[in-house]
Amino acid sequence: MEYIFSYLIILMVLFLAIYIFDFAIKHKNNSLGTQKSFQYIVRKYDLKMNKERVRLLSKIICFVNAFIISIPIAVIIILDIDYYVSLFISFALFIVLILVCYNIIGSILKKKGW
């Protein structure tokens, strides 16, 4: 239970930080949709975007990026392993999580008719 609580705290702190830096500042500067992850999902799944969809997809990407970053951080904190092993595990987790999460988002949005 302690690990779940610590993971949720990590996730929420990362989400707030990413939301402020990626969504709030870019929305203020009218530069939403310029992230590489956003462009990857839109181009790969040929999504048709309008202003509302750009805002929604940017918020979804903020949450998914927080999820992707929080998993390796939580694993490293919980396992308390050697530096090089933790670096390798984090790198492998990042690659797998990025590919899986972005493809899940794209396929769900494509099925919804975006």
N, C-alpha and C. Protein backbone atom coordinates (compact mmCIF):
# COMPACT_ATOMS: atom_id res chain seq x y z
N MET A 1 0.82 -1.19 0.00
CA MET A 1 0.00 0.00 0.00
C MET A 1 0.87 1.26 0.00
N GLU A 2 2.00 1.18 0.69
CA GLU A 2 2.91 2.31 0.75
C GLU A 2 3.47 2.62 -0.64
N TYR A 3 3.76 1.57 -1.42
CA TYR A 3 4.31 1.76 -2.75
C TYR A 3 3.29 2.39 -3.69
N ILE A 4 2.06 2.00 -3.56
CA ILE A 4 1.01 2.58 -4.41
C ILE A 4 0.84 4.06 -4.08
N PHE A 5 0.85 4.38 -2.81
CA PHE A 5 0.71 5.77 -2.39
C PHE A 5 1.89 6.61 -2.89
N SER A 6 3.10 6.08 -2.78
CA SER A 6 4.26 6.82 -3.26
C SER A 6 4.24 6.96 -4.77
N TYR A 7 3.76 5.93 -5.48
CA TYR A 7 3.65 6.02 -6.93
C TYR A 7 2.64 7.09 -7.33
N LEU A 8 1.51 7.13 -6.66
CA LEU A 8 0.49 8.13 -6.98
C LEU A 8 0.99 9.54 -6.72
N ILE A 9 1.78 9.72 -5.67
CA ILE A 9 2.35 11.04 -5.41
C ILE A 9 3.32 11.43 -6.53
N ILE A 10 4.16 10.49 -6.94
CA ILE A 10 5.10 10.75 -8.04
C ILE A 10 4.34 11.10 -9.30
N LEU A 11 3.29 10.34 -9.60
CA LEU A 11 2.50 10.58 -10.81
C LEU A 11 1.85 11.96 -10.78
N MET A 12 1.27 12.34 -9.67
CA MET A 12 0.58 13.63 -9.59
C MET A 12 1.57 14.80 -9.67
N VAL A 13 2.72 14.68 -9.03
CA VAL A 13 3.71 15.76 -9.10
C VAL A 13 4.22 15.91 -10.54
N LEU A 14 4.52 14.80 -11.18
CA LEU A 14 4.97 14.86 -12.57
C LEU A 14 3.89 15.39 -13.50
N PHE A 15 2.64 14.96 -13.28
CA PHE A 15 1.55 15.45 -14.12
C PHE A 15 1.39 16.96 -13.98
N LEU A 16 1.43 17.46 -12.76
CA LEU A 16 1.29 18.91 -12.57
C LEU A 16 2.45 19.67 -13.23
N ALA A 17 3.65 19.16 -13.09
CA ALA A 17 4.81 19.82 -13.70
C ALA A 17 4.71 19.80 -15.23
N ILE A 18 4.38 18.65 -15.79
CA ILE A 18 4.27 18.55 -17.24
C ILE A 18 3.10 19.36 -17.75
N TYR A 19 2.00 19.35 -17.02
CA TYR A 19 0.82 20.12 -17.43
C TYR A 19 1.14 21.61 -17.46
N ILE A 20 1.83 22.09 -16.45
CA ILE A 20 2.17 23.52 -16.41
C ILE A 20 3.13 23.87 -17.54
N PHE A 21 4.18 23.09 -17.71
CA PHE A 21 5.19 23.43 -18.70
C PHE A 21 4.77 23.12 -20.14
N ASP A 22 4.08 22.01 -20.35
CA ASP A 22 3.71 21.65 -21.72
C ASP A 22 2.38 22.24 -22.17
N PHE A 23 1.37 22.16 -21.33
CA PHE A 23 0.05 22.59 -21.78
C PHE A 23 -0.23 24.05 -21.49
N ALA A 24 -0.08 24.47 -20.25
CA ALA A 24 -0.47 25.83 -19.87
C ALA A 24 0.37 26.89 -20.58
N ILE A 25 1.68 26.69 -20.61
CA ILE A 25 2.54 27.69 -21.26
C ILE A 25 2.35 27.67 -22.77
N LYS A 26 2.27 26.48 -23.37
CA LYS A 26 2.09 26.42 -24.82
C LYS A 26 0.72 26.90 -25.24
N HIS A 27 -0.30 26.65 -24.42
CA HIS A 27 -1.64 27.15 -24.74
C HIS A 27 -1.65 28.67 -24.69
N LYS A 28 -0.94 29.24 -23.74
CA LYS A 28 -0.86 30.69 -23.62
C LYS A 28 -0.14 31.29 -24.83
N ASN A 29 0.85 30.60 -25.35
CA ASN A 29 1.62 31.08 -26.50
C ASN A 29 1.07 30.60 -27.84
N ASN A 30 -0.08 29.93 -27.83
CA ASN A 30 -0.71 29.39 -29.04
C ASN A 30 0.22 28.46 -29.81
N SER A 31 0.94 27.61 -29.11
CA SER A 31 1.83 26.67 -29.77
C SER A 31 1.52 25.22 -29.39
N LEU A 32 0.25 24.94 -29.08
CA LEU A 32 -0.13 23.55 -28.81
C LEU A 32 -0.01 22.74 -30.09
N GLY A 33 0.33 21.49 -29.96
CA GLY A 33 0.44 20.62 -31.12
C GLY A 33 1.81 20.63 -31.75
N THR A 34 2.78 21.23 -31.12
CA THR A 34 4.13 21.25 -31.68
C THR A 34 5.03 20.19 -31.06
N GLN A 35 4.52 19.42 -30.11
CA GLN A 35 5.32 18.37 -29.50
C GLN A 35 5.56 17.25 -30.51
N LYS A 36 6.68 16.58 -30.37
CA LYS A 36 6.99 15.45 -31.25
C LYS A 36 6.02 14.30 -31.03
N SER A 37 5.63 14.07 -29.78
CA SER A 37 4.68 12.99 -29.50
C SER A 37 3.33 13.28 -30.13
N PHE A 38 2.90 14.53 -30.08
CA PHE A 38 1.64 14.93 -30.69
C PHE A 38 1.70 14.70 -32.20
N GLN A 39 2.76 15.15 -32.83
CA GLN A 39 2.91 14.99 -34.27
C GLN A 39 3.02 13.53 -34.67
N TYR A 40 3.69 12.72 -33.84
CA TYR A 40 3.81 11.29 -34.13
C TYR A 40 2.44 10.62 -34.16
N ILE A 41 1.62 10.89 -33.16
CA ILE A 41 0.30 10.26 -33.09
C ILE A 41 -0.58 10.73 -34.23
N VAL A 42 -0.58 12.02 -34.51
CA VAL A 42 -1.44 12.58 -35.56
C VAL A 42 -1.03 12.05 -36.93
N ARG A 43 0.26 12.00 -37.21
CA ARG A 43 0.72 11.55 -38.53
C ARG A 43 0.57 10.04 -38.72
N LYS A 44 0.89 9.28 -37.70
CA LYS A 44 0.84 7.83 -37.83
C LYS A 44 -0.59 7.33 -38.02
N TYR A 45 -1.52 7.91 -37.30
CA TYR A 45 -2.91 7.45 -37.36
C TYR A 45 -3.79 8.35 -38.20
N ASP A 46 -3.21 9.32 -38.89
CA ASP A 46 -3.91 10.22 -39.81
C ASP A 46 -5.17 10.80 -39.15
N LEU A 47 -4.98 11.44 -38.01
CA LEU A 47 -6.09 12.02 -37.27
C LEU A 47 -6.41 13.40 -37.82
N LYS A 48 -7.69 13.70 -37.87
CA LYS A 48 -8.13 15.01 -38.31
C LYS A 48 -8.30 15.89 -37.07
N MET A 49 -7.54 16.96 -37.04
CA MET A 49 -7.49 17.78 -35.83
C MET A 49 -8.19 19.12 -36.05
N ASN A 50 -8.90 19.57 -35.02
CA ASN A 50 -9.40 20.93 -34.94
C ASN A 50 -8.95 21.52 -33.61
N LYS A 51 -9.37 22.72 -33.30
CA LYS A 51 -8.86 23.41 -32.11
C LYS A 51 -9.20 22.65 -30.82
N GLU A 52 -10.42 22.12 -30.72
CA GLU A 52 -10.82 21.40 -29.51
C GLU A 52 -10.07 20.08 -29.37
N ARG A 53 -9.88 19.39 -30.47
CA ARG A 53 -9.16 18.11 -30.43
C ARG A 53 -7.69 18.30 -30.10
N VAL A 54 -7.10 19.39 -30.56
CA VAL A 54 -5.70 19.68 -30.23
C VAL A 54 -5.56 19.88 -28.73
N ARG A 55 -6.48 20.61 -28.13
CA ARG A 55 -6.44 20.83 -26.68
C ARG A 55 -6.61 19.52 -25.92
N LEU A 56 -7.58 18.70 -26.34
CA LEU A 56 -7.84 17.43 -25.66
C LEU A 56 -6.66 16.47 -25.81
N LEU A 57 -6.13 16.34 -27.02
CA LEU A 57 -5.00 15.44 -27.23
C LEU A 57 -3.76 15.93 -26.49
N SER A 58 -3.58 17.22 -26.38
CA SER A 58 -2.44 17.75 -25.61
C SER A 58 -2.57 17.40 -24.13
N LYS A 59 -3.77 17.46 -23.60
CA LYS A 59 -3.99 17.08 -22.20
C LYS A 59 -3.77 15.58 -22.00
N ILE A 60 -4.22 14.78 -22.95
CA ILE A 60 -4.02 13.33 -22.87
C ILE A 60 -2.53 13.01 -22.90
N ILE A 61 -1.80 13.67 -23.78
CA ILE A 61 -0.36 13.44 -23.90
C ILE A 61 0.36 13.87 -22.63
N CYS A 62 -0.09 14.95 -21.99
CA CYS A 62 0.51 15.36 -20.71
C CYS A 62 0.36 14.26 -19.67
N PHE A 63 -0.82 13.67 -19.57
CA PHE A 63 -1.03 12.61 -18.60
C PHE A 63 -0.22 11.37 -18.94
N VAL A 64 -0.21 11.00 -20.20
CA VAL A 64 0.53 9.80 -20.62
C VAL A 64 2.04 9.99 -20.41
N ASN A 65 2.55 11.18 -20.70
CA ASN A 65 3.97 11.43 -20.46
C ASN A 65 4.31 11.34 -18.98
N ALA A 66 3.42 11.84 -18.13
CA ALA A 66 3.64 11.72 -16.68
C ALA A 66 3.63 10.25 -16.27
N PHE A 67 2.73 9.47 -16.85
CA PHE A 67 2.67 8.04 -16.57
C PHE A 67 3.95 7.34 -17.03
N ILE A 68 4.42 7.68 -18.23
CA ILE A 68 5.62 7.07 -18.78
C ILE A 68 6.85 7.38 -17.92
N ILE A 69 6.95 8.59 -17.44
CA ILE A 69 8.11 8.97 -16.63
C ILE A 69 8.01 8.42 -15.22
N SER A 70 6.79 8.34 -14.67
CA SER A 70 6.64 7.92 -13.28
C SER A 70 6.89 6.43 -13.05
N ILE A 71 6.62 5.61 -14.03
CA ILE A 71 6.84 4.16 -13.87
C ILE A 71 8.32 3.85 -13.59
N PRO A 72 9.27 4.28 -14.45
CA PRO A 72 10.68 3.98 -14.14
C PRO A 72 11.16 4.62 -12.84
N ILE A 73 10.69 5.83 -12.54
CA ILE A 73 11.10 6.47 -11.29
C ILE A 73 10.64 5.66 -10.09
N ALA A 74 9.39 5.21 -10.12
CA ALA A 74 8.87 4.41 -9.02
C ALA A 74 9.60 3.07 -8.90
N VAL A 75 9.88 2.46 -10.02
CA VAL A 75 10.59 1.17 -10.00
C VAL A 75 11.98 1.34 -9.40
N ILE A 76 12.68 2.39 -9.78
CA ILE A 76 14.03 2.62 -9.26
C ILE A 76 13.99 2.93 -7.76
N ILE A 77 13.02 3.72 -7.33
CA ILE A 77 12.92 4.04 -5.91
C ILE A 77 12.57 2.80 -5.09
N ILE A 78 11.65 2.00 -5.60
CA ILE A 78 11.19 0.82 -4.86
C ILE A 78 12.26 -0.27 -4.82
N LEU A 79 12.94 -0.52 -5.94
CA LEU A 79 13.90 -1.62 -6.00
C LEU A 79 15.23 -1.30 -5.34
N ASP A 80 15.67 -0.06 -5.36
CA ASP A 80 16.94 0.34 -4.74
C ASP A 80 18.08 -0.55 -5.23
N ILE A 81 18.36 -0.44 -6.54
CA ILE A 81 19.38 -1.27 -7.17
C ILE A 81 20.57 -0.42 -7.63
N ASP A 82 21.57 -1.09 -8.20
CA ASP A 82 22.78 -0.45 -8.67
C ASP A 82 22.47 0.59 -9.75
N TYR A 83 23.33 1.59 -9.86
CA TYR A 83 23.12 2.70 -10.79
C TYR A 83 23.02 2.23 -12.24
N TYR A 84 23.94 1.41 -12.69
CA TYR A 84 23.96 0.98 -14.09
C TYR A 84 22.77 0.07 -14.42
N VAL A 85 22.40 -0.77 -13.51
CA VAL A 85 21.24 -1.63 -13.72
C VAL A 85 19.97 -0.79 -13.79
N SER A 86 19.87 0.19 -12.90
CA SER A 86 18.69 1.06 -12.91
C SER A 86 18.64 1.90 -14.19
N LEU A 87 19.79 2.32 -14.68
CA LEU A 87 19.85 3.07 -15.93
C LEU A 87 19.37 2.21 -17.09
N PHE A 88 19.81 0.97 -17.16
CA PHE A 88 19.37 0.06 -18.21
C PHE A 88 17.88 -0.24 -18.12
N ILE A 89 17.39 -0.51 -16.92
CA ILE A 89 15.96 -0.80 -16.73
C ILE A 89 15.12 0.41 -17.13
N SER A 90 15.54 1.59 -16.72
CA SER A 90 14.80 2.81 -17.06
C SER A 90 14.76 3.04 -18.56
N PHE A 91 15.89 2.87 -19.21
CA PHE A 91 15.94 3.06 -20.66
C PHE A 91 15.03 2.08 -21.38
N ALA A 92 15.06 0.82 -20.98
CA ALA A 92 14.20 -0.19 -21.59
C ALA A 92 12.72 0.11 -21.33
N LEU A 93 12.41 0.50 -20.10
CA LEU A 93 11.01 0.84 -19.78
C LEU A 93 10.53 2.05 -20.56
N PHE A 94 11.37 3.06 -20.71
CA PHE A 94 10.98 4.24 -21.48
C PHE A 94 10.62 3.88 -22.91
N ILE A 95 11.46 3.12 -23.55
CA ILE A 95 11.21 2.75 -24.94
C ILE A 95 9.91 1.96 -25.08
N VAL A 96 9.75 0.96 -24.25
CA VAL A 96 8.54 0.12 -24.33
C VAL A 96 7.29 0.92 -24.01
N LEU A 97 7.32 1.71 -22.95
CA LEU A 97 6.15 2.49 -22.55
C LEU A 97 5.78 3.55 -23.58
N ILE A 98 6.76 4.20 -24.16
CA ILE A 98 6.47 5.21 -25.18
C ILE A 98 5.78 4.58 -26.37
N LEU A 99 6.34 3.51 -26.88
CA LEU A 99 5.74 2.86 -28.05
C LEU A 99 4.35 2.32 -27.76
N VAL A 100 4.19 1.65 -26.63
CA VAL A 100 2.90 1.05 -26.31
C VAL A 100 1.84 2.11 -26.03
N CYS A 101 2.15 3.09 -25.21
CA CYS A 101 1.15 4.09 -24.83
C CYS A 101 0.73 4.97 -26.00
N TYR A 102 1.68 5.43 -26.79
CA TYR A 102 1.32 6.28 -27.93
C TYR A 102 0.52 5.50 -28.97
N ASN A 103 0.85 4.24 -29.18
CA ASN A 103 0.08 3.45 -30.13
C ASN A 103 -1.32 3.14 -29.61
N ILE A 104 -1.47 2.94 -28.32
CA ILE A 104 -2.81 2.74 -27.75
C ILE A 104 -3.65 4.00 -27.90
N ILE A 105 -3.08 5.15 -27.61
CA ILE A 105 -3.81 6.41 -27.77
C ILE A 105 -4.24 6.61 -29.21
N GLY A 106 -3.32 6.42 -30.14
CA GLY A 106 -3.63 6.60 -31.55
C GLY A 106 -4.71 5.66 -32.04
N SER A 107 -4.64 4.40 -31.65
CA SER A 107 -5.65 3.45 -32.12
C SER A 107 -7.02 3.73 -31.50
N ILE A 108 -7.05 4.15 -30.24
CA ILE A 108 -8.33 4.49 -29.61
C ILE A 108 -8.95 5.70 -30.29
N LEU A 109 -8.15 6.72 -30.55
CA LEU A 109 -8.69 7.92 -31.20
C LEU A 109 -9.12 7.64 -32.63
N LYS A 110 -8.40 6.78 -33.31
CA LYS A 110 -8.79 6.41 -34.68
C LYS A 110 -10.12 5.67 -34.69
N LYS A 111 -10.32 4.78 -33.73
CA LYS A 111 -11.59 4.06 -33.62
C LYS A 111 -12.75 4.99 -33.27
N LYS A 112 -12.46 6.08 -32.55
CA LYS A 112 -13.49 7.04 -32.18
C LYS A 112 -13.88 7.93 -33.36
N GLY A 113 -13.12 7.88 -34.42
CA GLY A 113 -13.46 8.65 -35.61
C GLY A 113 -12.74 9.97 -35.75
N TRP A 114 -11.61 10.10 -35.09
CA TRP A 114 -10.84 11.33 -35.22
C TRP A 114 -10.16 11.29 -36.54
